Amino acid sequence: MKIQDGIVGRPIRLNTKILAYGQSADVMFIGDSHNGSPQFDKQRFLTNLDFCLKNKVYVLLMGDLNEVATRHSIGGGVYEQSDPCGTQHEQMLDWLRPLAEAKLILGTHRGNHGERVYKETGFDVDKALARELKIPFLGDACWSKFIVGKQSYNVYSLHGRSNARFDGTALLAVERISTSFNADLVAHAHYL
């Protein structure tokens, strides 16, 4: 039986994962790292991935893992990024592959940077990453049901978008989403 979206009638994406049969399971949400950007903190990013692998922490990728700036991107990112888009993609695959092979990646979302590439070229860098790592592609937003022992958790996750310039207005956008439906956890990237 397929679950339908009550607003437009399209199928709802549901990502169901059994995380642990025991008492607990940890999940780290990783996104907005922007590999290739001058602001990318490579050491922190790799330290987090290593921690997750060594401690068997599940990871939900929240989008914008790579900068993938194009000449139509906002600002001068295409001229400032350290590596071309293809190199960024290959590096990210290499860094994430051990987690994917250990079955620790729960899925990946599309970020606004990947969406820009898709709009300009028709190539979906986030979907390609999911396909190559053999992990679920969660699109812009997704409902997940994470099962830990006898407990299940309903998680709504999304990369999100906003033109908010202030912390308060950004948090207001997140609050509006979190009060729109019943979820045990709302995971929203894109905001600082």
N, C-alpha and C. Protein backbone atom coordinates (compact mmCIF):
# COMPACT_ATOMS: atom_id res chain seq x y z
N MET A 1 0.83 -1.18 0.00
CA MET A 1 0.00 0.00 0.00
C MET A 1 0.88 1.24 0.00
N LYS A 2 0.65 2.13 -0.94
CA LYS A 2 1.41 3.36 -1.01
C LYS A 2 0.70 4.45 -0.22
N ILE A 3 1.47 5.25 0.49
CA ILE A 3 0.93 6.38 1.23
C ILE A 3 0.95 7.58 0.28
N GLN A 4 -0.17 8.31 0.20
CA GLN A 4 -0.27 9.45 -0.70
C GLN A 4 -0.23 10.76 0.08
N ASP A 5 0.38 11.75 -0.51
CA ASP A 5 0.37 13.10 0.03
C ASP A 5 -1.04 13.64 -0.11
N GLY A 6 -1.64 14.11 0.99
CA GLY A 6 -3.01 14.59 0.98
C GLY A 6 -3.20 15.89 0.22
N ILE A 7 -2.12 16.61 -0.08
CA ILE A 7 -2.24 17.90 -0.75
C ILE A 7 -2.28 17.73 -2.27
N VAL A 8 -1.31 17.03 -2.83
CA VAL A 8 -1.26 16.90 -4.29
C VAL A 8 -1.35 15.46 -4.77
N GLY A 9 -1.46 14.50 -3.86
CA GLY A 9 -1.67 13.12 -4.24
C GLY A 9 -0.45 12.37 -4.75
N ARG A 10 0.74 12.89 -4.52
CA ARG A 10 1.92 12.15 -4.96
C ARG A 10 2.37 11.22 -3.82
N PRO A 11 3.07 10.14 -4.17
CA PRO A 11 3.53 9.21 -3.13
C PRO A 11 4.47 9.90 -2.15
N ILE A 12 4.31 9.59 -0.87
CA ILE A 12 5.19 10.12 0.16
C ILE A 12 6.41 9.22 0.27
N ARG A 13 7.57 9.81 0.25
CA ARG A 13 8.81 9.06 0.39
C ARG A 13 8.95 8.67 1.86
N LEU A 14 9.07 7.38 2.14
CA LEU A 14 9.26 6.89 3.50
C LEU A 14 10.51 6.04 3.54
N ASN A 15 11.45 6.43 4.36
CA ASN A 15 12.73 5.76 4.50
C ASN A 15 12.69 4.99 5.83
N THR A 16 12.45 3.70 5.80
CA THR A 16 12.37 2.91 7.02
C THR A 16 13.67 2.15 7.23
N LYS A 17 14.26 2.30 8.40
CA LYS A 17 15.54 1.64 8.72
C LYS A 17 15.48 1.07 10.12
N ILE A 18 15.93 -0.16 10.27
CA ILE A 18 16.14 -0.74 11.60
C ILE A 18 17.56 -0.39 11.99
N LEU A 19 17.72 0.44 13.01
CA LEU A 19 19.04 0.92 13.40
C LEU A 19 19.72 -0.01 14.38
N ALA A 20 18.97 -0.56 15.31
CA ALA A 20 19.61 -1.41 16.32
C ALA A 20 18.57 -2.32 16.95
N TYR A 21 19.00 -3.51 17.25
CA TYR A 21 18.14 -4.44 17.96
C TYR A 21 18.28 -4.26 19.46
N GLY A 22 19.36 -3.63 19.87
CA GLY A 22 19.64 -3.43 21.29
C GLY A 22 18.95 -2.20 21.84
N GLN A 23 19.61 -1.56 22.76
CA GLN A 23 19.02 -0.47 23.51
C GLN A 23 19.17 0.90 22.88
N SER A 24 20.22 1.13 22.11
CA SER A 24 20.43 2.49 21.61
C SER A 24 21.10 2.49 20.24
N ALA A 25 20.97 3.60 19.56
CA ALA A 25 21.65 3.84 18.29
C ALA A 25 21.83 5.34 18.16
N ASP A 26 22.98 5.74 17.70
CA ASP A 26 23.28 7.16 17.54
C ASP A 26 23.21 7.53 16.07
N VAL A 27 22.75 8.76 15.81
CA VAL A 27 22.66 9.28 14.45
C VAL A 27 23.30 10.67 14.44
N MET A 28 24.16 10.91 13.45
CA MET A 28 24.74 12.24 13.24
C MET A 28 24.19 12.77 11.92
N PHE A 29 23.73 14.00 11.93
CA PHE A 29 23.23 14.67 10.73
C PHE A 29 24.37 15.53 10.18
N ILE A 30 24.78 15.25 8.95
CA ILE A 30 25.93 15.95 8.36
C ILE A 30 25.49 16.63 7.07
N GLY A 31 25.71 17.93 6.98
CA GLY A 31 25.37 18.66 5.78
C GLY A 31 26.04 20.02 5.77
N ASP A 32 25.90 20.70 4.66
CA ASP A 32 26.45 22.05 4.48
C ASP A 32 27.94 22.12 4.76
N SER A 33 28.66 21.07 4.40
CA SER A 33 30.12 21.10 4.57
C SER A 33 30.77 21.92 3.46
N HIS A 34 30.22 21.91 2.27
CA HIS A 34 30.69 22.71 1.13
C HIS A 34 32.15 22.43 0.76
N ASN A 35 32.47 21.14 0.58
CA ASN A 35 33.79 20.77 0.09
C ASN A 35 34.09 21.54 -1.20
N GLY A 36 35.23 22.18 -1.24
CA GLY A 36 35.61 23.00 -2.39
C GLY A 36 35.54 24.47 -2.10
N SER A 37 34.75 24.85 -1.09
CA SER A 37 34.66 26.25 -0.70
C SER A 37 35.87 26.63 0.15
N PRO A 38 36.30 27.90 0.10
CA PRO A 38 37.40 28.33 0.98
C PRO A 38 37.05 28.16 2.47
N GLN A 39 35.76 28.11 2.80
CA GLN A 39 35.34 27.96 4.20
C GLN A 39 35.20 26.49 4.63
N PHE A 40 35.41 25.54 3.72
CA PHE A 40 35.29 24.12 4.05
C PHE A 40 36.30 23.74 5.12
N ASP A 41 35.81 23.18 6.22
CA ASP A 41 36.68 22.71 7.32
C ASP A 41 36.93 21.22 7.11
N LYS A 42 37.87 20.92 6.26
CA LYS A 42 38.16 19.54 5.87
C LYS A 42 38.51 18.68 7.07
N GLN A 43 39.34 19.18 7.96
CA GLN A 43 39.76 18.38 9.11
C GLN A 43 38.58 18.02 10.00
N ARG A 44 37.72 18.96 10.28
CA ARG A 44 36.54 18.68 11.12
C ARG A 44 35.62 17.69 10.42
N PHE A 45 35.41 17.87 9.12
CA PHE A 45 34.55 16.97 8.37
C PHE A 45 35.08 15.54 8.41
N LEU A 46 36.37 15.37 8.12
CA LEU A 46 36.95 14.02 8.12
C LEU A 46 36.99 13.42 9.51
N THR A 47 37.20 14.25 10.53
CA THR A 47 37.18 13.77 11.92
C THR A 47 35.80 13.24 12.27
N ASN A 48 34.74 13.95 11.85
CA ASN A 48 33.38 13.48 12.10
C ASN A 48 33.09 12.16 11.39
N LEU A 49 33.52 12.04 10.14
CA LEU A 49 33.30 10.79 9.41
C LEU A 49 34.04 9.64 10.09
N ASP A 50 35.28 9.89 10.50
CA ASP A 50 36.08 8.86 11.16
C ASP A 50 35.44 8.45 12.49
N PHE A 51 34.95 9.42 13.25
CA PHE A 51 34.26 9.14 14.51
C PHE A 51 33.06 8.23 14.27
N CYS A 52 32.26 8.56 13.26
CA CYS A 52 31.07 7.76 12.96
C CYS A 52 31.44 6.34 12.56
N LEU A 53 32.46 6.19 11.76
CA LEU A 53 32.89 4.86 11.33
C LEU A 53 33.40 4.03 12.51
N LYS A 54 34.26 4.62 13.32
CA LYS A 54 34.86 3.89 14.45
C LYS A 54 33.83 3.54 15.52
N ASN A 55 32.83 4.40 15.72
CA ASN A 55 31.85 4.21 16.79
C ASN A 55 30.50 3.69 16.30
N LYS A 56 30.45 3.31 15.01
CA LYS A 56 29.22 2.79 14.41
C LYS A 56 28.03 3.73 14.62
N VAL A 57 28.27 5.00 14.33
CA VAL A 57 27.23 6.02 14.40
C VAL A 57 26.62 6.16 13.00
N TYR A 58 25.30 6.09 12.93
CA TYR A 58 24.62 6.27 11.65
C TYR A 58 24.70 7.73 11.22
N VAL A 59 24.67 7.93 9.90
CA VAL A 59 24.78 9.28 9.33
C VAL A 59 23.61 9.51 8.37
N LEU A 60 22.97 10.66 8.52
CA LEU A 60 22.00 11.12 7.54
C LEU A 60 22.61 12.35 6.88
N LEU A 61 22.86 12.25 5.59
CA LEU A 61 23.49 13.35 4.84
C LEU A 61 22.42 14.36 4.44
N MET A 62 22.65 15.62 4.80
CA MET A 62 21.62 16.65 4.70
C MET A 62 21.76 17.57 3.48
N GLY A 63 22.68 17.28 2.57
CA GLY A 63 22.82 18.09 1.36
C GLY A 63 23.93 19.12 1.46
N ASP A 64 24.30 19.66 0.32
CA ASP A 64 25.38 20.64 0.18
C ASP A 64 26.70 20.13 0.76
N LEU A 65 27.01 18.88 0.49
CA LEU A 65 28.30 18.33 0.91
C LEU A 65 29.42 18.97 0.10
N ASN A 66 29.15 19.28 -1.15
CA ASN A 66 30.12 19.93 -2.03
C ASN A 66 29.65 21.32 -2.40
N GLU A 67 30.58 22.20 -2.69
CA GLU A 67 30.26 23.57 -3.10
C GLU A 67 29.63 23.59 -4.49
N VAL A 68 30.16 22.83 -5.41
CA VAL A 68 29.72 22.71 -6.80
C VAL A 68 29.16 24.02 -7.37
N ALA A 69 29.94 25.07 -7.27
CA ALA A 69 29.53 26.37 -7.79
C ALA A 69 29.66 26.38 -9.32
N THR A 70 28.74 27.07 -9.96
CA THR A 70 28.79 27.27 -11.40
C THR A 70 28.88 28.76 -11.67
N ARG A 71 29.02 29.13 -12.91
CA ARG A 71 29.18 30.56 -13.21
C ARG A 71 27.91 31.35 -12.93
N HIS A 72 26.77 30.67 -12.78
CA HIS A 72 25.53 31.36 -12.45
C HIS A 72 25.20 31.30 -10.95
N SER A 73 26.09 30.71 -10.16
CA SER A 73 25.87 30.65 -8.72
C SER A 73 25.99 32.04 -8.12
N ILE A 74 25.34 32.21 -6.98
CA ILE A 74 25.40 33.49 -6.27
C ILE A 74 26.83 33.75 -5.82
N GLY A 75 27.29 34.97 -5.97
CA GLY A 75 28.64 35.32 -5.53
C GLY A 75 29.70 34.83 -6.50
N GLY A 76 30.94 34.80 -6.01
CA GLY A 76 32.08 34.42 -6.84
C GLY A 76 32.55 33.01 -6.60
N GLY A 77 31.66 32.14 -6.10
CA GLY A 77 32.05 30.78 -5.73
C GLY A 77 32.75 30.00 -6.82
N VAL A 78 32.32 30.17 -8.07
CA VAL A 78 32.93 29.41 -9.15
C VAL A 78 34.42 29.78 -9.31
N TYR A 79 34.77 31.01 -8.96
CA TYR A 79 36.16 31.45 -9.08
C TYR A 79 36.95 31.20 -7.80
N GLU A 80 36.24 31.04 -6.69
CA GLU A 80 36.89 30.87 -5.40
C GLU A 80 37.06 29.42 -4.99
N GLN A 81 36.26 28.49 -5.54
CA GLN A 81 36.34 27.11 -5.08
C GLN A 81 37.70 26.51 -5.41
N SER A 82 38.16 25.63 -4.53
CA SER A 82 39.51 25.08 -4.63
C SER A 82 39.64 24.01 -5.70
N ASP A 83 38.57 23.34 -6.03
CA ASP A 83 38.61 22.26 -7.01
C ASP A 83 37.39 22.34 -7.91
N PRO A 84 37.50 21.83 -9.14
CA PRO A 84 36.32 21.80 -10.01
C PRO A 84 35.27 20.83 -9.46
N CYS A 85 34.05 20.96 -9.92
CA CYS A 85 32.92 20.17 -9.41
C CYS A 85 33.18 18.67 -9.47
N GLY A 86 33.73 18.18 -10.57
CA GLY A 86 33.98 16.75 -10.71
C GLY A 86 34.96 16.23 -9.66
N THR A 87 35.97 17.01 -9.37
CA THR A 87 36.95 16.62 -8.34
C THR A 87 36.30 16.61 -6.97
N GLN A 88 35.46 17.59 -6.68
CA GLN A 88 34.74 17.63 -5.40
C GLN A 88 33.90 16.36 -5.24
N HIS A 89 33.21 15.99 -6.30
CA HIS A 89 32.35 14.80 -6.27
C HIS A 89 33.17 13.54 -6.00
N GLU A 90 34.27 13.38 -6.69
CA GLU A 90 35.13 12.19 -6.51
C GLU A 90 35.72 12.14 -5.11
N GLN A 91 36.15 13.28 -4.59
CA GLN A 91 36.67 13.32 -3.21
C GLN A 91 35.60 12.88 -2.22
N MET A 92 34.39 13.42 -2.38
CA MET A 92 33.31 13.08 -1.45
C MET A 92 32.99 11.59 -1.52
N LEU A 93 32.96 11.03 -2.70
CA LEU A 93 32.74 9.58 -2.83
C LEU A 93 33.79 8.80 -2.05
N ASP A 94 35.06 9.18 -2.22
CA ASP A 94 36.15 8.50 -1.51
C ASP A 94 35.99 8.61 0.00
N TRP A 95 35.61 9.79 0.48
CA TRP A 95 35.48 10.00 1.93
C TRP A 95 34.28 9.25 2.51
N LEU A 96 33.18 9.17 1.76
CA LEU A 96 31.96 8.55 2.29
C LEU A 96 31.88 7.05 2.05
N ARG A 97 32.65 6.53 1.12
CA ARG A 97 32.56 5.11 0.76
C ARG A 97 32.71 4.17 1.96
N PRO A 98 33.68 4.38 2.88
CA PRO A 98 33.78 3.46 4.03
C PRO A 98 32.51 3.42 4.88
N LEU A 99 31.86 4.57 5.08
CA LEU A 99 30.61 4.60 5.83
C LEU A 99 29.49 3.87 5.08
N ALA A 100 29.45 4.07 3.77
CA ALA A 100 28.42 3.41 2.95
C ALA A 100 28.61 1.90 2.97
N GLU A 101 29.85 1.45 2.85
CA GLU A 101 30.12 0.01 2.86
C GLU A 101 29.81 -0.61 4.22
N ALA A 102 29.93 0.18 5.29
CA ALA A 102 29.59 -0.30 6.63
C ALA A 102 28.08 -0.20 6.90
N LYS A 103 27.30 0.24 5.89
CA LYS A 103 25.84 0.40 6.01
C LYS A 103 25.46 1.39 7.10
N LEU A 104 26.26 2.45 7.26
CA LEU A 104 26.00 3.46 8.28
C LEU A 104 25.36 4.73 7.73
N ILE A 105 25.23 4.85 6.41
CA ILE A 105 24.59 6.03 5.83
C ILE A 105 23.11 5.72 5.60
N LEU A 106 22.25 6.48 6.24
CA LEU A 106 20.80 6.26 6.17
C LEU A 106 20.18 6.85 4.91
N GLY A 107 20.87 7.75 4.25
CA GLY A 107 20.38 8.37 3.03
C GLY A 107 20.98 9.75 2.86
N THR A 108 20.69 10.36 1.70
CA THR A 108 21.20 11.70 1.42
C THR A 108 20.12 12.56 0.79
N HIS A 109 20.12 13.82 1.20
CA HIS A 109 19.19 14.81 0.65
C HIS A 109 19.85 15.61 -0.47
N ARG A 110 19.01 16.25 -1.27
CA ARG A 110 19.48 17.22 -2.26
C ARG A 110 19.61 18.56 -1.56
N GLY A 111 20.73 19.23 -1.78
CA GLY A 111 20.94 20.57 -1.24
C GLY A 111 20.68 21.62 -2.30
N ASN A 112 20.64 22.87 -1.88
CA ASN A 112 20.38 23.94 -2.84
C ASN A 112 21.54 24.13 -3.82
N HIS A 113 22.76 23.80 -3.43
CA HIS A 113 23.88 23.90 -4.36
C HIS A 113 23.76 22.83 -5.44
N GLY A 114 23.43 21.60 -5.06
CA GLY A 114 23.20 20.55 -6.04
C GLY A 114 22.03 20.86 -6.94
N GLU A 115 21.01 21.50 -6.37
CA GLU A 115 19.84 21.88 -7.15
C GLU A 115 20.21 22.88 -8.24
N ARG A 116 21.12 23.82 -7.92
CA ARG A 116 21.56 24.79 -8.93
C ARG A 116 22.23 24.09 -10.11
N VAL A 117 23.08 23.10 -9.80
CA VAL A 117 23.76 22.36 -10.86
C VAL A 117 22.71 21.64 -11.71
N TYR A 118 21.72 21.05 -11.06
CA TYR A 118 20.67 20.34 -11.80
C TYR A 118 19.90 21.30 -12.71
N LYS A 119 19.56 22.47 -12.21
CA LYS A 119 18.81 23.44 -13.02
C LYS A 119 19.62 23.92 -14.23
N GLU A 120 20.94 24.03 -14.07
CA GLU A 120 21.78 24.52 -15.17
C GLU A 120 22.16 23.44 -16.17
N THR A 121 22.33 22.20 -15.67
CA THR A 121 22.92 21.17 -16.52
C THR A 121 22.03 19.94 -16.72
N GLY A 122 21.05 19.74 -15.85
CA GLY A 122 20.23 18.54 -15.91
C GLY A 122 20.87 17.35 -15.20
N PHE A 123 22.07 17.54 -14.65
CA PHE A 123 22.76 16.47 -13.92
C PHE A 123 22.53 16.64 -12.42
N ASP A 124 22.00 15.62 -11.78
CA ASP A 124 21.68 15.67 -10.36
C ASP A 124 22.85 15.09 -9.57
N VAL A 125 23.71 15.98 -9.04
CA VAL A 125 24.92 15.52 -8.35
C VAL A 125 24.59 14.75 -7.08
N ASP A 126 23.52 15.12 -6.40
CA ASP A 126 23.16 14.44 -5.16
C ASP A 126 22.60 13.04 -5.44
N LYS A 127 21.81 12.92 -6.47
CA LYS A 127 21.28 11.60 -6.84
C LYS A 127 22.42 10.70 -7.33
N ALA A 128 23.37 11.27 -8.04
CA ALA A 128 24.52 10.49 -8.50
C ALA A 128 25.35 9.99 -7.32
N LEU A 129 25.52 10.83 -6.32
CA LEU A 129 26.25 10.42 -5.11
C LEU A 129 25.55 9.23 -4.46
N ALA A 130 24.23 9.32 -4.32
CA ALA A 130 23.45 8.23 -3.72
C ALA A 130 23.59 6.95 -4.54
N ARG A 131 23.47 7.07 -5.83
CA ARG A 131 23.55 5.90 -6.70
C ARG A 131 24.92 5.24 -6.60
N GLU A 132 25.96 6.05 -6.64
CA GLU A 132 27.32 5.49 -6.62
C GLU A 132 27.68 4.88 -5.26
N LEU A 133 27.10 5.42 -4.18
CA LEU A 133 27.36 4.85 -2.85
C LEU A 133 26.36 3.77 -2.48
N LYS A 134 25.32 3.58 -3.33
CA LYS A 134 24.26 2.60 -3.08
C LYS A 134 23.55 2.89 -1.76
N ILE A 135 23.15 4.15 -1.61
CA ILE A 135 22.41 4.59 -0.43
C ILE A 135 21.11 5.24 -0.90
N PRO A 136 20.10 5.34 -0.03
CA PRO A 136 18.84 5.97 -0.46
C PRO A 136 19.01 7.45 -0.79
N PHE A 137 18.40 7.85 -1.90
CA PHE A 137 18.31 9.27 -2.26
C PHE A 137 16.99 9.77 -1.70
N LEU A 138 17.04 10.75 -0.81
CA LEU A 138 15.87 11.22 -0.08
C LEU A 138 15.23 12.46 -0.67
N GLY A 139 15.79 12.99 -1.75
CA GLY A 139 15.22 14.17 -2.39
C GLY A 139 15.32 15.40 -1.51
N ASP A 140 14.39 16.31 -1.71
CA ASP A 140 14.40 17.57 -0.96
C ASP A 140 14.00 17.38 0.50
N ALA A 141 13.06 16.48 0.74
CA ALA A 141 12.57 16.22 2.10
C ALA A 141 12.11 14.77 2.18
N CYS A 142 12.08 14.24 3.38
CA CYS A 142 11.73 12.83 3.54
C CYS A 142 11.24 12.54 4.94
N TRP A 143 10.28 11.64 5.04
CA TRP A 143 9.89 11.06 6.31
C TRP A 143 10.70 9.78 6.49
N SER A 144 11.27 9.59 7.66
CA SER A 144 11.97 8.36 7.98
C SER A 144 11.37 7.76 9.23
N LYS A 145 11.37 6.46 9.28
CA LYS A 145 10.97 5.74 10.48
C LYS A 145 12.20 4.95 10.91
N PHE A 146 12.80 5.37 12.01
CA PHE A 146 13.98 4.71 12.54
C PHE A 146 13.55 3.82 13.69
N ILE A 147 13.87 2.55 13.61
CA ILE A 147 13.48 1.57 14.62
C ILE A 147 14.70 1.19 15.43
N VAL A 148 14.59 1.39 16.73
CA VAL A 148 15.67 1.08 17.67
C VAL A 148 15.06 0.17 18.74
N GLY A 149 15.42 -1.11 18.70
CA GLY A 149 14.81 -2.06 19.62
C GLY A 149 13.31 -2.11 19.37
N LYS A 150 12.52 -1.88 20.39
CA LYS A 150 11.06 -1.90 20.27
C LYS A 150 10.49 -0.50 20.04
N GLN A 151 11.34 0.49 20.01
CA GLN A 151 10.90 1.88 19.84
C GLN A 151 11.09 2.33 18.40
N SER A 152 10.13 3.08 17.89
CA SER A 152 10.31 3.67 16.56
C SER A 152 10.18 5.19 16.67
N TYR A 153 10.89 5.89 15.79
CA TYR A 153 10.92 7.34 15.79
C TYR A 153 10.56 7.84 14.40
N ASN A 154 9.63 8.78 14.33
CA ASN A 154 9.27 9.42 13.07
C ASN A 154 10.09 10.69 12.93
N VAL A 155 10.90 10.72 11.88
CA VAL A 155 11.81 11.84 11.65
C VAL A 155 11.48 12.48 10.31
N TYR A 156 11.30 13.79 10.32
CA TYR A 156 11.13 14.54 9.08
C TYR A 156 12.42 15.31 8.85
N SER A 157 13.06 15.06 7.71
CA SER A 157 14.34 15.73 7.43
C SER A 157 14.29 16.41 6.07
N LEU A 158 14.99 17.53 5.98
CA LEU A 158 15.05 18.28 4.74
C LEU A 158 16.29 19.17 4.75
N HIS A 159 16.74 19.51 3.55
CA HIS A 159 17.84 20.47 3.47
C HIS A 159 17.27 21.86 3.70
N GLY A 160 16.25 22.21 2.96
CA GLY A 160 15.58 23.49 3.15
C GLY A 160 16.22 24.62 2.37
N ARG A 161 15.48 25.70 2.29
CA ARG A 161 15.92 26.91 1.60
C ARG A 161 15.34 28.11 2.33
N SER A 162 16.04 29.21 2.25
CA SER A 162 15.51 30.43 2.86
C SER A 162 16.32 31.62 2.40
N ASN A 163 15.67 32.75 2.39
CA ASN A 163 16.36 34.01 2.13
C ASN A 163 16.57 34.77 3.44
N ALA A 164 16.40 34.08 4.56
CA ALA A 164 16.51 34.73 5.86
C ALA A 164 17.91 35.30 6.05
N ARG A 165 17.97 36.51 6.56
CA ARG A 165 19.25 37.17 6.78
C ARG A 165 19.62 37.22 8.26
N PHE A 166 18.67 36.92 9.11
CA PHE A 166 18.91 37.01 10.55
C PHE A 166 18.57 35.67 11.21
N ASP A 167 19.26 35.37 12.30
CA ASP A 167 19.02 34.10 13.00
C ASP A 167 17.56 33.94 13.39
N GLY A 168 16.94 34.99 13.88
CA GLY A 168 15.55 34.91 14.32
C GLY A 168 14.59 34.52 13.22
N THR A 169 14.77 35.09 12.03
CA THR A 169 13.86 34.76 10.93
C THR A 169 14.14 33.36 10.39
N ALA A 170 15.39 32.93 10.43
CA ALA A 170 15.73 31.56 10.03
C ALA A 170 15.09 30.56 10.99
N LEU A 171 15.18 30.84 12.28
CA LEU A 171 14.58 29.95 13.27
C LEU A 171 13.06 29.94 13.17
N LEU A 172 12.48 31.06 12.80
CA LEU A 172 11.03 31.12 12.62
C LEU A 172 10.59 30.18 11.49
N ALA A 173 11.36 30.13 10.41
CA ALA A 173 11.04 29.23 9.30
C ALA A 173 11.10 27.77 9.75
N VAL A 174 12.10 27.43 10.56
CA VAL A 174 12.21 26.07 11.08
C VAL A 174 11.05 25.76 12.02
N GLU A 175 10.68 26.73 12.86
CA GLU A 175 9.57 26.52 13.79
C GLU A 175 8.26 26.29 13.03
N ARG A 176 8.05 27.01 11.95
CA ARG A 176 6.83 26.83 11.17
C ARG A 176 6.73 25.41 10.63
N ILE A 177 7.86 24.89 10.16
CA ILE A 177 7.86 23.51 9.65
C ILE A 177 7.61 22.53 10.79
N SER A 178 8.26 22.73 11.91
CA SER A 178 8.17 21.77 13.02
C SER A 178 6.80 21.73 13.67
N THR A 179 6.01 22.79 13.52
CA THR A 179 4.67 22.81 14.12
C THR A 179 3.57 22.46 13.12
N SER A 180 3.98 22.11 11.90
CA SER A 180 3.00 21.80 10.86
C SER A 180 2.52 20.36 10.90
N PHE A 181 3.22 19.49 11.59
CA PHE A 181 2.87 18.08 11.64
C PHE A 181 3.51 17.45 12.87
N ASN A 182 3.16 16.22 13.14
CA ASN A 182 3.66 15.53 14.32
C ASN A 182 4.84 14.65 13.95
N ALA A 183 6.01 14.99 14.44
CA ALA A 183 7.22 14.19 14.24
C ALA A 183 7.98 14.15 15.55
N ASP A 184 8.70 13.05 15.76
CA ASP A 184 9.54 12.97 16.95
C ASP A 184 10.76 13.87 16.82
N LEU A 185 11.19 14.08 15.59
CA LEU A 185 12.36 14.93 15.34
C LEU A 185 12.22 15.56 13.97
N VAL A 186 12.50 16.86 13.89
CA VAL A 186 12.60 17.54 12.60
C VAL A 186 14.06 17.94 12.45
N ALA A 187 14.69 17.45 11.38
CA ALA A 187 16.09 17.76 11.10
C ALA A 187 16.13 18.67 9.88
N HIS A 188 16.63 19.88 10.07
CA HIS A 188 16.62 20.90 9.01
C HIS A 188 18.04 21.41 8.84
N ALA A 189 18.57 21.33 7.65
CA ALA A 189 19.90 21.84 7.37
C ALA A 189 19.79 23.27 6.84
N HIS A 190 20.83 23.76 6.24
CA HIS A 190 20.89 25.03 5.54
C HIS A 190 20.99 26.24 6.45
N TYR A 191 20.60 26.15 7.70
CA TYR A 191 20.67 27.28 8.62
C TYR A 191 21.88 27.13 9.51
N LEU A 192 22.44 28.26 9.92
CA LEU A 192 23.56 28.23 10.86
C LEU A 192 23.06 28.05 12.26
